[in-house]
């Protein structure tokens, strides 16, 4: 590793201190330094103004140097690999070009952990019948109720094969789930088109692919909101129908998790398994890339 030097011949270190892990060192750099080095044996973190960008990953005396935009965790699996084994709120960095951080809920318990929650609903304090622009950038509070944002979902799924995990917890304590083996979302130019494949397994039953009617199959559907209807059948304005809410619609389909909270006329939530919102305590939609 060729380190940078100032005009006195000294390295252009901003600071060097103890750090228990690479992720902690990465977070201390964030946007405040040009690059950083981490020595895993000595547990030392070195922040620098500049590095040799050709050899950012070269070793020198036990140090390895990183561009912060590439070392920051891009999803909750990255958080898990950084030895953060507790479910909770973390910051991920899916946009490697600018290093923008996104706060998310990470589930570290289901199926080995490392799940990034793209949706969480625990109460009716956040309105999910909102605009295209709000669904684009995300809204709500990750610690309670939120949508991560369609741009983030696209970024997390654009270059990898991801699982999709749907969980609905009922007020009687029963927890139901469905796992889909391939999930991705296109960019805004393609209206965040949904690509979904099975097999689908779980206790909820499939309400997005192998439904009773072909017009309830959601794979290939574009996203819709009340101010931008993109479902394919003319006259079906599903995001404005009933209690509304942004979603991937074909007709006004067999699955719909974004209607008004705790009302009987939002239906169906999930096919015949969960018929209206009055029985629902919490919903959770999570993704994780294939190993």
C-alpha atoms as a PDB file:
ATOM      1  CA  UNK A   1       0.000   0.000   0.000  1.00  0.00           C
ATOM      2  CA  UNK A   2       1.446   3.376  -0.976  1.00  0.00           C
ATOM      3  CA  UNK A   3       0.305   5.842   1.664  1.00  0.00           C
ATOM      4  CA  UNK A   4      -0.147   9.543   0.959  1.00  0.00           C
ATOM      5  CA  UNK A   5       2.300  12.073   2.381  1.00  0.00           C
ATOM      6  CA  UNK A   6       2.100  15.801   3.038  1.00  0.00           C
ATOM      7  CA  UNK A   7       4.838  18.262   2.121  1.00  0.00           C
ATOM      8  CA  UNK A   8       6.840  17.395   5.244  1.00  0.00           C
ATOM      9  CA  UNK A   9       7.067  13.725   4.302  1.00  0.00           C
ATOM     10  CA  UNK A  10       4.562  12.574   6.962  1.00  0.00           C
ATOM     11  CA  UNK A  11       1.493  10.429   6.188  1.00  0.00           C
ATOM     12  CA  UNK A  12      -1.719  12.459   5.801  1.00  0.00           C
ATOM     13  CA  UNK A  13      -3.507  10.633   8.635  1.00  0.00           C
ATOM     14  CA  UNK A  14      -6.476  12.420  10.133  1.00  0.00           C
ATOM     15  CA  UNK A  15      -6.371  10.182  13.199  1.00  0.00           C
ATOM     16  CA  UNK A  16      -5.621   6.669  14.400  1.00  0.00           C
ATOM     17  CA  UNK A  17      -7.347   4.956  17.302  1.00  0.00           C
ATOM     18  CA  UNK A  18      -8.692   1.685  18.694  1.00  0.00           C
ATOM     19  CA  UNK A  19     -11.633   0.050  16.895  1.00  0.00           C
ATOM     20  CA  UNK A  20     -13.203  -3.289  17.788  1.00  0.00           C
ATOM     21  CA  UNK A  21     -14.297  -4.149  14.262  1.00  0.00           C
ATOM     22  CA  UNK A  22     -14.015  -3.205  10.611  1.00  0.00           C
ATOM     23  CA  UNK A  23     -17.616  -1.966  10.604  1.00  0.00           C
ATOM     24  CA  UNK A  24     -16.905   0.420  13.491  1.00  0.00           C
ATOM     25  CA  UNK A  25     -13.863   1.737  11.658  1.00  0.00           C
ATOM     26  CA  UNK A  26     -15.945   2.122   8.490  1.00  0.00           C
ATOM     27  CA  UNK A  27     -18.613   4.086  10.344  1.00  0.00           C
ATOM     28  CA  UNK A  28     -16.027   6.410  11.882  1.00  0.00           C
ATOM     29  CA  UNK A  29     -14.837   7.295   8.393  1.00  0.00           C
ATOM     30  CA  UNK A  30     -18.198   7.704   6.633  1.00  0.00           C
ATOM     31  CA  UNK A  31     -17.918  11.021   4.744  1.00  0.00           C
ATOM     32  CA  UNK A  32     -15.291  12.570   7.028  1.00  0.00           C
ATOM     33  CA  UNK A  33     -12.258  10.997   5.367  1.00  0.00           C
ATOM     34  CA  UNK A  34     -11.064  10.026   1.927  1.00  0.00           C
ATOM     35  CA  UNK A  35     -10.186   6.451   2.858  1.00  0.00           C
ATOM     36  CA  UNK A  36      -9.341   4.383   5.903  1.00  0.00           C
ATOM     37  CA  UNK A  37      -7.156   1.508   7.014  1.00  0.00           C
ATOM     38  CA  UNK A  38      -7.969  -1.244   9.488  1.00  0.00           C
ATOM     39  CA  UNK A  39      -5.544  -3.563  11.276  1.00  0.00           C
ATOM     40  CA  UNK A  40      -7.558  -6.557  12.475  1.00  0.00           C
ATOM     41  CA  UNK A  41      -4.770  -7.970  14.651  1.00  0.00           C
ATOM     42  CA  UNK A  42      -4.065  -4.727  16.479  1.00  0.00           C
ATOM     43  CA  UNK A  43      -7.708  -3.551  16.257  1.00  0.00           C
ATOM     44  CA  UNK A  44      -6.579  -0.141  15.097  1.00  0.00           C
ATOM     45  CA  UNK A  45      -8.409   2.229  12.749  1.00  0.00           C
ATOM     46  CA  UNK A  46      -6.517   4.789  10.663  1.00  0.00           C
ATOM     47  CA  UNK A  47      -8.414   7.579   8.912  1.00  0.00           C
ATOM     48  CA  UNK A  48      -6.689   9.363   6.049  1.00  0.00           C
ATOM     49  CA  UNK A  49      -7.339  12.269   3.720  1.00  0.00           C
ATOM     50  CA  UNK A  50      -6.220  10.355   0.625  1.00  0.00           C
ATOM     51  CA  UNK A  51      -4.977   6.918  -0.409  1.00  0.00           C
ATOM     52  CA  UNK A  52      -3.485   5.320  -3.480  1.00  0.00           C
ATOM     53  CA  UNK A  53      -6.758   4.521  -5.247  1.00  0.00           C
ATOM     54  CA  UNK A  54      -5.084   1.880  -7.416  1.00  0.00           C
ATOM     55  CA  UNK A  55      -4.139  -0.276  -4.427  1.00  0.00           C
ATOM     56  CA  UNK A  56      -6.878   0.392  -1.890  1.00  0.00           C
ATOM     57  CA  UNK A  57      -7.007  -3.245  -0.789  1.00  0.00           C
ATOM     58  CA  UNK A  58      -3.238  -3.864  -0.652  1.00  0.00           C
ATOM     59  CA  UNK A  59      -1.677  -5.016   2.615  1.00  0.00           C
ATOM     60  CA  UNK A  60       1.125  -3.180   4.420  1.00  0.00           C
ATOM     61  CA  UNK A  61       2.365  -4.116   7.896  1.00  0.00           C
ATOM     62  CA  UNK A  62      -0.976  -5.765   8.803  1.00  0.00           C
ATOM     63  CA  UNK A  63      -3.076  -2.871   7.501  1.00  0.00           C
ATOM     64  CA  UNK A  64      -5.702  -3.082   4.815  1.00  0.00           C
ATOM     65  CA  UNK A  65      -7.088   0.077   3.235  1.00  0.00           C
ATOM     66  CA  UNK A  66     -10.586   0.740   1.977  1.00  0.00           C
ATOM     67  CA  UNK A  67     -12.674   3.209   0.050  1.00  0.00           C
ATOM     68  CA  UNK A  68     -15.493   3.961   2.544  1.00  0.00           C
ATOM     69  CA  UNK A  69     -18.180   3.794  -0.143  1.00  0.00           C
ATOM     70  CA  UNK A  70     -17.301   0.170  -0.892  1.00  0.00           C
ATOM     71  CA  UNK A  71     -16.629  -0.991   2.662  1.00  0.00           C
ATOM     72  CA  UNK A  72     -19.851   0.315   4.191  1.00  0.00           C
ATOM     73  CA  UNK A  73     -22.537  -2.391   4.622  1.00  0.00           C
ATOM     74  CA  UNK A  74     -24.942  -2.333   1.682  1.00  0.00           C
ATOM     75  CA  UNK A  75     -27.664  -4.364   3.418  1.00  0.00           C
ATOM     76  CA  UNK A  76     -28.505  -6.115   6.673  1.00  0.00           C
ATOM     77  CA  UNK A  77     -26.494  -9.163   5.688  1.00  0.00           C
ATOM     78  CA  UNK A  78     -23.467  -6.885   5.676  1.00  0.00           C
ATOM     79  CA  UNK A  79     -24.448  -5.727   9.158  1.00  0.00           C
ATOM     80  CA  UNK A  80     -24.709  -9.357  10.296  1.00  0.00           C
ATOM     81  CA  UNK A  81     -21.266 -10.195   8.909  1.00  0.00           C
ATOM     82  CA  UNK A  82     -19.908  -7.295  10.952  1.00  0.00           C
ATOM     83  CA  UNK A  83     -20.938  -9.341  14.036  1.00  0.00           C
ATOM     84  CA  UNK A  84     -24.092  -7.346  14.764  1.00  0.00           C
ATOM     85  CA  UNK A  85     -26.310 -10.281  15.716  1.00  0.00           C
ATOM     86  CA  UNK A  86     -29.207  -8.435  17.376  1.00  0.00           C
ATOM     87  CA  UNK A  87     -32.313  -7.429  15.452  1.00  0.00           C
ATOM     88  CA  UNK A  88     -32.800  -3.670  15.418  1.00  0.00           C
ATOM     89  CA  UNK A  89     -32.282  -0.403  13.556  1.00  0.00           C
ATOM     90  CA  UNK A  90     -29.058  -0.026  11.564  1.00  0.00           C
ATOM     91  CA  UNK A  91     -27.726   2.174   8.774  1.00  0.00           C
ATOM     92  CA  UNK A  92     -26.989   0.583   5.406  1.00  0.00           C
ATOM     93  CA  UNK A  93     -25.376   2.139   2.331  1.00  0.00           C
ATOM     94  CA  UNK A  94     -26.988   0.728  -0.827  1.00  0.00           C
ATOM     95  CA  UNK A  95     -25.965   3.652  -3.057  1.00  0.00           C
ATOM     96  CA  UNK A  96     -22.257   2.985  -3.564  1.00  0.00           C
ATOM     97  CA  UNK A  97     -21.831   5.998  -5.861  1.00  0.00           C
ATOM     98  CA  UNK A  98     -22.473   8.602  -3.173  1.00  0.00           C
ATOM     99  CA  UNK A  99     -22.348   6.790   0.169  1.00  0.00           C
ATOM    100  CA  UNK A 100     -25.840   7.862   1.237  1.00  0.00           C
ATOM    101  CA  UNK A 101     -26.984   6.048   4.387  1.00  0.00           C
ATOM    102  CA  UNK A 102     -30.480   4.586   4.881  1.00  0.00           C
ATOM    103  CA  UNK A 103     -31.849   3.594   8.288  1.00  0.00           C
ATOM    104  CA  UNK A 104     -33.572   0.193   8.220  1.00  0.00           C
ATOM    105  CA  UNK A 105     -34.876  -2.517  10.499  1.00  0.00           C
ATOM    106  CA  UNK A 106     -32.689  -5.651  10.324  1.00  0.00           C
ATOM    107  CA  UNK A 107     -34.039  -9.047  11.363  1.00  0.00           C
ATOM    108  CA  UNK A 108     -31.258 -11.292  12.665  1.00  0.00           C
ATOM    109  CA  UNK A 109     -33.445 -14.237  13.728  1.00  0.00           C
ATOM    110  CA  UNK A 110     -35.442 -15.543  10.750  1.00  0.00           C
ATOM    111  CA  UNK A 111     -33.707 -18.168   8.588  1.00  0.00           C
ATOM    112  CA  UNK A 112     -30.189 -17.309   9.769  1.00  0.00           C
ATOM    113  CA  UNK A 113     -30.708 -13.529   9.971  1.00  0.00           C
ATOM    114  CA  UNK A 114     -29.414 -10.743   7.743  1.00  0.00           C
ATOM    115  CA  UNK A 115     -32.877  -9.743   6.450  1.00  0.00           C
ATOM    116  CA  UNK A 116     -33.433  -6.148   5.327  1.00  0.00           C
ATOM    117  CA  UNK A 117     -36.993  -5.012   6.084  1.00  0.00           C
ATOM    118  CA  UNK A 118     -38.382  -3.028   3.160  1.00  0.00           C
ATOM    119  CA  UNK A 119     -41.746  -2.602   4.921  1.00  0.00           C
ATOM    120  CA  UNK A 120     -42.900  -2.696   8.516  1.00  0.00           C
ATOM    121  CA  UNK A 121     -46.346  -1.813   9.875  1.00  0.00           C
ATOM    122  CA  UNK A 122     -47.107  -1.884  13.587  1.00  0.00           C
ATOM    123  CA  UNK A 123     -49.773   0.811  13.878  1.00  0.00           C
ATOM    124  CA  UNK A 124     -51.800   3.258  11.798  1.00  0.00           C
ATOM    125  CA  UNK A 125     -49.700   6.322  12.543  1.00  0.00           C
ATOM    126  CA  UNK A 126     -48.205   6.393   9.010  1.00  0.00           C
ATOM    127  CA  UNK A 127     -50.426   6.886   5.945  1.00  0.00           C
ATOM    128  CA  UNK A 128     -49.603   4.321   3.239  1.00  0.00           C
ATOM    129  CA  UNK A 129     -52.122   5.852   0.822  1.00  0.00           C
ATOM    130  CA  UNK A 130     -49.532   8.367  -0.296  1.00  0.00           C
ATOM    131  CA  UNK A 131     -47.868   9.721  -3.429  1.00  0.00           C
ATOM    132  CA  UNK A 132     -45.568   8.206  -6.035  1.00  0.00           C
ATOM    133  CA  UNK A 133     -42.728  10.461  -4.866  1.00  0.00           C
ATOM    134  CA  UNK A 134     -43.109   9.323  -1.263  1.00  0.00           C
ATOM    135  CA  UNK A 135     -42.994   5.667  -2.273  1.00  0.00           C
ATOM    136  CA  UNK A 136     -39.945   6.479  -4.412  1.00  0.00           C
ATOM    137  CA  UNK A 137     -37.852   7.900  -1.546  1.00  0.00           C
ATOM    138  CA  UNK A 138     -39.458   6.089   1.392  1.00  0.00           C
ATOM    139  CA  UNK A 139     -41.384   7.293   4.437  1.00  0.00           C
ATOM    140  CA  UNK A 140     -42.127   6.509   8.073  1.00  0.00           C
ATOM    141  CA  UNK A 141     -39.927   5.411  10.985  1.00  0.00           C
ATOM    142  CA  UNK A 142     -37.874   2.161  10.710  1.00  0.00           C
ATOM    143  CA  UNK A 143     -38.246   1.495  14.433  1.00  0.00           C
ATOM    144  CA  UNK A 144     -41.998   1.252  14.049  1.00  0.00           C
ATOM    145  CA  UNK A 145     -43.765   1.709  10.699  1.00  0.00           C
ATOM    146  CA  UNK A 146     -42.168   2.518   7.324  1.00  0.00           C
ATOM    147  CA  UNK A 147     -41.593   1.883   3.621  1.00  0.00           C
ATOM    148  CA  UNK A 148     -37.898   1.827   2.721  1.00  0.00           C
ATOM    149  CA  UNK A 149     -38.383   3.432  -0.711  1.00  0.00           C
ATOM    150  CA  UNK A 150     -38.645   1.981  -4.214  1.00  0.00           C
ATOM    151  CA  UNK A 151     -35.284   3.430  -5.260  1.00  0.00           C
ATOM    152  CA  UNK A 152     -33.623   1.582  -2.381  1.00  0.00           C
ATOM    153  CA  UNK A 153     -35.427  -1.681  -3.199  1.00  0.00           C
ATOM    154  CA  UNK A 154     -34.246  -1.441  -6.798  1.00  0.00           C
ATOM    155  CA  UNK A 155     -30.693  -0.737  -5.672  1.00  0.00           C
ATOM    156  CA  UNK A 156     -30.681  -3.705  -3.272  1.00  0.00           C
ATOM    157  CA  UNK A 157     -32.020  -6.175  -5.858  1.00  0.00           C
ATOM    158  CA  UNK A 158     -30.620  -4.925  -9.163  1.00  0.00           C
ATOM    159  CA  UNK A 159     -27.486  -7.111  -9.379  1.00  0.00           C
ATOM    160  CA  UNK A 160     -28.337 -10.063  -7.133  1.00  0.00           C
ATOM    161  CA  UNK A 161     -30.928 -12.805  -6.732  1.00  0.00           C
ATOM    162  CA  UNK A 162     -32.918 -12.118  -3.575  1.00  0.00           C
ATOM    163  CA  UNK A 163     -35.443 -13.916  -1.412  1.00  0.00           C
ATOM    164  CA  UNK A 164     -38.694 -12.185  -0.436  1.00  0.00           C
ATOM    165  CA  UNK A 165     -40.167 -12.936   2.999  1.00  0.00           C
ATOM    166  CA  UNK A 166     -43.705 -11.828   3.912  1.00  0.00           C
ATOM    167  CA  UNK A 167     -44.777 -12.029   7.559  1.00  0.00           C
ATOM    168  CA  UNK A 168     -48.194 -11.182   9.009  1.00  0.00           C
ATOM    169  CA  UNK A 169     -48.694 -11.393  12.769  1.00  0.00           C
ATOM    170  CA  UNK A 170     -52.296 -11.611  13.921  1.00  0.00           C
ATOM    171  CA  UNK A 171     -53.763 -10.103  17.075  1.00  0.00           C
ATOM    172  CA  UNK A 172     -54.293 -13.595  18.481  1.00  0.00           C
ATOM    173  CA  UNK A 173     -50.510 -14.090  18.415  1.00  0.00           C
ATOM    174  CA  UNK A 174     -50.374 -16.338  15.340  1.00  0.00           C
ATOM    175  CA  UNK A 175     -47.486 -15.548  12.988  1.00  0.00           C
ATOM    176  CA  UNK A 176     -47.888 -16.455   9.299  1.00  0.00           C
ATOM    177  CA  UNK A 177     -45.268 -16.195   6.558  1.00  0.00           C
ATOM    178  CA  UNK A 178     -44.566 -16.851   2.893  1.00  0.00           C
ATOM    179  CA  UNK A 179     -41.099 -17.136   1.336  1.00  0.00           C
ATOM    180  CA  UNK A 180     -40.496 -16.458  -2.379  1.00  0.00           C
ATOM    181  CA  UNK A 181     -37.175 -17.541  -3.877  1.00  0.00           C
ATOM    182  CA  UNK A 182     -36.606 -14.808  -6.468  1.00  0.00           C
ATOM    183  CA  UNK A 183     -37.500 -11.137  -6.082  1.00  0.00           C
ATOM    184  CA  UNK A 184     -36.313  -7.953  -7.759  1.00  0.00           C
ATOM    185  CA  UNK A 185     -37.674  -4.527  -8.680  1.00  0.00           C
ATOM    186  CA  UNK A 186     -36.843  -2.481 -11.784  1.00  0.00           C
ATOM    187  CA  UNK A 187     -35.913   1.204 -11.733  1.00  0.00           C
ATOM    188  CA  UNK A 188     -38.265   4.186 -11.906  1.00  0.00           C
ATOM    189  CA  UNK A 189     -38.034   4.347 -15.719  1.00  0.00           C
ATOM    190  CA  UNK A 190     -39.798   0.963 -15.762  1.00  0.00           C
ATOM    191  CA  UNK A 191     -42.196   2.037 -12.969  1.00  0.00           C
ATOM    192  CA  UNK A 192     -40.530  -0.248 -10.394  1.00  0.00           C
ATOM    193  CA  UNK A 193     -41.771  -3.360 -12.200  1.00  0.00           C
ATOM    194  CA  UNK A 194     -41.937  -6.444  -9.969  1.00  0.00           C
ATOM    195  CA  UNK A 195     -40.137  -9.669 -10.898  1.00  0.00           C
ATOM    196  CA  UNK A 196     -41.105 -12.586  -8.676  1.00  0.00           C
ATOM    197  CA  UNK A 197     -40.597 -16.343  -8.941  1.00  0.00           C
ATOM    198  CA  UNK A 198     -41.226 -19.362  -6.761  1.00  0.00           C
ATOM    199  CA  UNK A 199     -41.159 -21.748  -5.254  1.00  0.00           C
ATOM    200  CA  UNK A 200     -43.358 -20.106  -2.641  1.00  0.00           C
ATOM    201  CA  UNK A 201     -43.444 -21.849   0.716  1.00  0.00           C
ATOM    202  CA  UNK A 202     -44.888 -21.035   4.106  1.00  0.00           C
ATOM    203  CA  UNK A 203     -48.004 -20.851   6.254  1.00  0.00           C
ATOM    204  CA  UNK A 204     -49.678 -17.867   4.564  1.00  0.00           C
ATOM    205  CA  UNK A 205     -50.094 -19.512   1.191  1.00  0.00           C
ATOM    206  CA  UNK A 206     -49.200 -17.883  -2.110  1.00  0.00           C
ATOM    207  CA  UNK A 207     -51.217 -14.778  -3.012  1.00  0.00           C
ATOM    208  CA  UNK A 208     -48.810 -13.193  -5.505  1.00  0.00           C
ATOM    209  CA  UNK A 209     -48.085 -15.889  -8.132  1.00  0.00           C
ATOM    210  CA  UNK A 210     -50.167 -19.075  -8.331  1.00  0.00           C
ATOM    211  CA  UNK A 211     -53.476 -17.474  -7.502  1.00  0.00           C
ATOM    212  CA  UNK A 212     -56.962 -18.666  -8.429  1.00  0.00           C
ATOM    213  CA  UNK A 213     -57.200 -16.069 -11.201  1.00  0.00           C
ATOM    214  CA  UNK A 214     -54.425 -15.103 -13.646  1.00  0.00           C
ATOM    215  CA  UNK A 215     -55.340 -11.461 -13.186  1.00  0.00           C
ATOM    216  CA  UNK A 216     -54.128 -11.710  -9.556  1.00  0.00           C
ATOM    217  CA  UNK A 217     -50.608 -12.793 -10.609  1.00  0.00           C
ATOM    218  CA  UNK A 218     -48.328  -9.886  -9.721  1.00  0.00           C
ATOM    219  CA  UNK A 219     -45.039 -10.775 -11.395  1.00  0.00           C
ATOM    220  CA  UNK A 220     -44.320  -8.308 -14.192  1.00  0.00           C
ATOM    221  CA  UNK A 221     -46.647  -5.686 -12.711  1.00  0.00           C
ATOM    222  CA  UNK A 222     -45.589  -2.064 -12.375  1.00  0.00           C
ATOM    223  CA  UNK A 223     -46.025  -0.146  -9.131  1.00  0.00           C
ATOM    224  CA  UNK A 224     -49.111   2.057  -8.700  1.00  0.00           C
ATOM    225  CA  UNK A 225     -50.119   4.883  -6.373  1.00  0.00           C
ATOM    226  CA  UNK A 226     -53.249   7.039  -6.311  1.00  0.00           C
ATOM    227  CA  UNK A 227     -51.451   9.685  -8.398  1.00  0.00           C
ATOM    228  CA  UNK A 228     -49.911   7.224 -10.885  1.00  0.00           C
ATOM    229  CA  UNK A 229     -51.937   4.179 -11.954  1.00  0.00           C
ATOM    230  CA  UNK A 230     -49.890   1.548 -13.792  1.00  0.00           C
ATOM    231  CA  UNK A 231     -51.929  -1.652 -13.463  1.00  0.00           C
ATOM    232  CA  UNK A 232     -52.545  -3.066 -16.945  1.00  0.00           C
ATOM    233  CA  UNK A 233     -56.326  -3.353 -17.155  1.00  0.00           C
ATOM    234  CA  UNK A 234     -58.145  -0.161 -18.120  1.00  0.00           C
ATOM    235  CA  UNK A 235     -60.575   1.112 -15.531  1.00  0.00           C
ATOM    236  CA  UNK A 236     -58.970  -0.690 -12.568  1.00  0.00           C
ATOM    237  CA  UNK A 237     -57.597   2.131 -10.423  1.00  0.00           C
ATOM    238  CA  UNK A 238     -56.658  -0.122  -7.545  1.00  0.00           C
ATOM    239  CA  UNK A 239     -54.467   2.357  -5.671  1.00  0.00           C
ATOM    240  CA  UNK A 240     -57.526   4.626  -5.388  1.00  0.00           C
ATOM    241  CA  UNK A 241     -60.065   1.883  -4.727  1.00  0.00           C
ATOM    242  CA  UNK A 242     -61.403   1.343  -1.211  1.00  0.00           C
ATOM    243  CA  UNK A 243     -58.759   2.261   1.341  1.00  0.00           C
ATOM    244  CA  UNK A 244     -56.093   2.761  -1.344  1.00  0.00           C
ATOM    245  CA  UNK A 245     -52.349   2.371  -0.954  1.00  0.00           C
ATOM    246  CA  UNK A 246     -49.343   1.926  -3.250  1.00  0.00           C
ATOM    247  CA  UNK A 247     -48.677  -1.648  -4.441  1.00  0.00           C
ATOM    248  CA  UNK A 248     -48.006  -3.853  -7.455  1.00  0.00           C
ATOM    249  CA  UNK A 249     -51.465  -4.433  -8.903  1.00  0.00           C
ATOM    250  CA  UNK A 250     -52.760  -6.529 -11.771  1.00  0.00           C
ATOM    251  CA  UNK A 251     -56.438  -6.158 -11.110  1.00  0.00           C
ATOM    252  CA  UNK A 252     -57.150  -5.266  -7.474  1.00  0.00           C
ATOM    253  CA  UNK A 253     -55.280  -8.362  -6.452  1.00  0.00           C
ATOM    254  CA  UNK A 254     -55.336 -11.094  -3.834  1.00  0.00           C
ATOM    255  CA  UNK A 255     -52.551  -9.477  -1.813  1.00  0.00           C
ATOM    256  CA  UNK A 256     -52.445  -5.881  -0.639  1.00  0.00           C
ATOM    257  CA  UNK A 257     -50.551  -4.795   2.490  1.00  0.00           C
ATOM    258  CA  UNK A 258     -50.843  -0.992   2.266  1.00  0.00           C
ATOM    259  CA  UNK A 259     -54.467  -0.108   2.909  1.00  0.00           C
ATOM    260  CA  UNK A 260     -55.819   1.828   5.905  1.00  0.00           C
ATOM    261  CA  UNK A 261     -54.945   0.427   9.309  1.00  0.00           C
ATOM    262  CA  UNK A 262     -57.454  -1.518  11.425  1.00  0.00           C
ATOM    263  CA  UNK A 263     -60.462  -1.242   9.112  1.00  0.00           C
ATOM    264  CA  UNK A 264     -62.730  -4.051   7.942  1.00  0.00           C
ATOM    265  CA  UNK A 265     -63.175  -2.749   4.380  1.00  0.00           C
ATOM    266  CA  UNK A 266     -59.477  -3.151   3.505  1.00  0.00           C
ATOM    267  CA  UNK A 267     -59.585  -6.606   1.943  1.00  0.00           C
ATOM    268  CA  UNK A 268     -58.275  -8.986   1.094  1.00  0.00           C
ATOM    269  CA  UNK A 269     -55.021  -8.551   2.982  1.00  0.00           C
ATOM    270  CA  UNK A 270     -53.715 -11.918   1.838  1.00  0.00           C
ATOM    271  CA  UNK A 271     -56.043 -14.088  -0.219  1.00  0.00           C
ATOM    272  CA  UNK A 272     -58.496 -16.025   1.986  1.00  0.00           C
ATOM    273  CA  UNK A 273     -55.985 -16.456   4.794  1.00  0.00           C
ATOM    274  CA  UNK A 274     -56.183 -12.899   6.165  1.00  0.00           C
ATOM    275  CA  UNK A 275     -59.458 -11.371   5.010  1.00  0.00           C
ATOM    276  CA  UNK A 276     -59.383  -7.911   6.591  1.00  0.00           C
ATOM    277  CA  UNK A 277     -57.163  -5.614   8.599  1.00  0.00           C
ATOM    278  CA  UNK A 278     -59.024  -5.810  11.918  1.00  0.00           C
ATOM    279  CA  UNK A 279     -57.265  -9.100  12.792  1.00  0.00           C
ATOM    280  CA  UNK A 280     -53.728  -7.890  11.958  1.00  0.00           C
ATOM    281  CA  UNK A 281     -51.203  -6.811  14.586  1.00  0.00           C
ATOM    282  CA  UNK A 282     -48.124  -6.328  12.383  1.00  0.00           C
ATOM    283  CA  UNK A 283     -46.864  -6.805   8.833  1.00  0.00           C
ATOM    284  CA  UNK A 284     -43.244  -7.225   7.764  1.00  0.00           C
ATOM    285  CA  UNK A 285     -41.727  -7.527   4.270  1.00  0.00           C
ATOM    286  CA  UNK A 286     -38.046  -8.475   4.114  1.00  0.00           C
ATOM    287  CA  UNK A 287     -35.415  -9.347   1.510  1.00  0.00           C
ATOM    288  CA  UNK A 288     -32.060 -11.092   1.560  1.00  0.00           C
ATOM    289  CA  UNK A 289     -29.755 -11.990  -1.302  1.00  0.00           C
ATOM    290  CA  UNK A 290     -29.013 -15.600  -2.108  1.00  0.00           C
ATOM    291  CA  UNK A 291     -25.740 -16.991  -0.688  1.00  0.00           C
END
